[in-house]
Amino acid sequence: MITENEIDDIINGHSCPSQIPLEWGGGQPNKKKPGRRWEDPNNDGNGVRIDKGDPESQWPSQRESHVVVRTRGRILRSDGQPIELLKPSKTPEAHIPLKDWLKWKTWHSP
């Protein structure tokens, strides 16, 4: 189980999950809410965003720290398959719990 301190270290750029490719660098802070994002320097359709959970969120899937994974421009759900909806980033399936994503073999594959 990941601790709040470990989550804060990731979000603040003090550590990087092993799933993130080294060539993606240390990531950038999220623009709106606390978190961090990484993008593939060779394909802007690939990326990972980690958001710190917000216990007050109206959306249950966003109350715990979670990850949004994009491969070839498509948002993935927790089984690594793309979400086949018009606005996939708005669905609960797009918000993979961080504790689950940290068990994935690679940034885009469970």
Protein backbone atom coordinates (compact mmCIF):
# COMPACT_ATOMS: atom_id res chain seq x y z
CA MET A 1 0.00 0.00 0.00
CA ILE A 2 1.33 3.41 -0.94
CA THR A 3 1.55 6.02 1.82
CA GLU A 4 0.49 9.67 1.62
CA ASN A 5 4.16 10.66 1.91
CA GLU A 6 5.04 8.50 -1.11
CA ILE A 7 2.18 10.04 -3.09
CA ASP A 8 3.39 13.51 -2.15
CA ASP A 9 6.94 12.60 -3.24
CA ILE A 10 5.63 11.59 -6.68
CA ILE A 11 3.43 14.66 -7.04
CA ASN A 12 6.23 17.00 -5.95
CA GLY A 13 8.74 15.40 -8.33
CA HIS A 14 10.95 13.89 -5.62
CA SER A 15 10.37 10.37 -6.93
CA CYS A 16 9.11 8.81 -10.13
CA PRO A 17 7.14 5.56 -10.47
CA SER A 18 9.18 2.78 -12.05
CA GLN A 19 6.52 2.39 -14.77
CA ILE A 20 7.43 5.79 -16.25
CA PRO A 21 10.09 5.44 -18.98
CA LEU A 22 13.34 7.22 -18.09
CA GLU A 23 13.32 9.19 -21.36
CA TRP A 24 10.06 10.86 -20.26
CA GLY A 25 11.99 12.73 -17.59
CA GLY A 26 10.74 13.93 -14.23
CA GLY A 27 7.35 15.07 -15.43
CA GLN A 28 5.57 18.37 -14.95
CA PRO A 29 3.15 19.55 -12.28
CA ASN A 30 -0.51 19.32 -13.25
CA LYS A 31 -2.04 22.60 -14.40
CA LYS A 32 -5.13 22.66 -12.20
CA LYS A 33 -5.08 20.31 -9.23
CA PRO A 34 -2.23 18.67 -7.30
CA GLY A 35 -0.57 15.98 -9.34
CA ARG A 36 2.07 15.29 -11.95
CA ARG A 37 2.07 14.39 -15.64
CA TRP A 38 4.50 12.73 -18.01
CA GLU A 39 4.39 12.65 -21.80
CA ASP A 40 6.23 10.57 -24.35
CA PRO A 41 8.70 12.97 -26.06
CA ASN A 42 8.30 10.97 -29.30
CA ASN A 43 4.49 10.66 -29.31
CA ASP A 44 2.27 13.25 -27.63
CA GLY A 45 -0.61 10.74 -27.73
CA ASN A 46 1.12 8.79 -24.96
CA GLY A 47 1.10 10.02 -21.40
CA VAL A 48 0.40 9.41 -17.74
CA ARG A 49 -1.21 11.82 -15.30
CA ILE A 50 -1.30 11.19 -11.57
CA ASP A 51 -3.85 13.18 -9.58
CA LYS A 52 -3.87 13.46 -5.82
CA GLY A 53 -7.16 12.24 -4.41
CA ASP A 54 -9.69 14.82 -3.25
CA PRO A 55 -11.85 13.41 -0.42
CA GLU A 56 -14.39 16.19 -1.08
CA SER A 57 -14.78 15.39 -4.81
CA GLN A 58 -18.31 14.85 -6.03
CA TRP A 59 -16.90 11.97 -8.12
CA PRO A 60 -16.14 8.81 -6.07
CA SER A 61 -13.44 7.72 -8.56
CA GLN A 62 -11.51 10.92 -7.81
CA ARG A 63 -11.62 10.74 -4.01
CA GLU A 64 -8.45 8.64 -3.92
CA SER A 65 -5.20 9.29 -5.76
CA HIS A 66 -5.56 8.00 -9.29
CA VAL A 67 -3.93 7.76 -12.70
CA VAL A 68 -5.17 8.63 -16.18
CA VAL A 69 -3.26 6.71 -18.88
CA ARG A 70 -3.27 7.73 -22.54
CA THR A 71 -1.81 5.55 -25.28
CA ARG A 72 -1.98 6.56 -28.94
CA GLY A 73 -4.44 9.25 -27.87
CA ARG A 74 -6.83 6.80 -26.22
CA ILE A 75 -7.64 6.70 -22.50
CA LEU A 76 -7.23 3.29 -20.86
CA ARG A 77 -9.26 1.66 -18.12
CA SER A 78 -7.80 -0.46 -15.31
CA ASP A 79 -7.53 -3.60 -17.47
CA GLY A 80 -5.34 -1.72 -19.98
CA GLN A 81 -8.06 -1.60 -22.67
CA PRO A 82 -9.17 1.66 -24.29
CA ILE A 83 -12.42 3.28 -23.20
CA GLU A 84 -14.77 3.36 -26.17
CA LEU A 85 -16.80 6.49 -25.38
CA LEU A 86 -17.04 9.99 -26.81
CA LYS A 87 -15.48 11.66 -23.74
CA PRO A 88 -13.58 8.85 -22.00
CA SER A 89 -11.69 11.12 -19.59
CA LYS A 90 -15.02 12.00 -17.95
CA THR A 91 -15.84 8.39 -17.02
CA PRO A 92 -15.04 6.76 -13.68
CA GLU A 93 -13.18 4.00 -15.57
CA ALA A 94 -10.61 6.55 -16.75
CA HIS A 95 -9.48 7.14 -13.15
CA ILE A 96 -7.38 4.12 -12.21
CA PRO A 97 -6.57 3.98 -8.49
CA LEU A 98 -2.87 4.78 -8.04
CA LYS A 99 -2.39 1.76 -5.78
CA ASP A 100 -3.61 -0.49 -8.62
CA TRP A 101 -1.64 1.23 -11.40
CA LEU A 102 1.59 0.90 -9.41
CA LYS A 103 1.25 -2.89 -9.89
CA TRP A 104 1.23 -2.56 -13.70
CA LYS A 105 4.23 -4.00 -15.59
CA THR A 106 4.62 -0.90 -17.77
CA TRP A 107 3.08 2.57 -17.92
CA HIS A 108 0.34 1.31 -20.28
CA SER A 109 -0.02 -2.42 -19.54
CA PRO A 110 -1.20 -4.25 -16.42
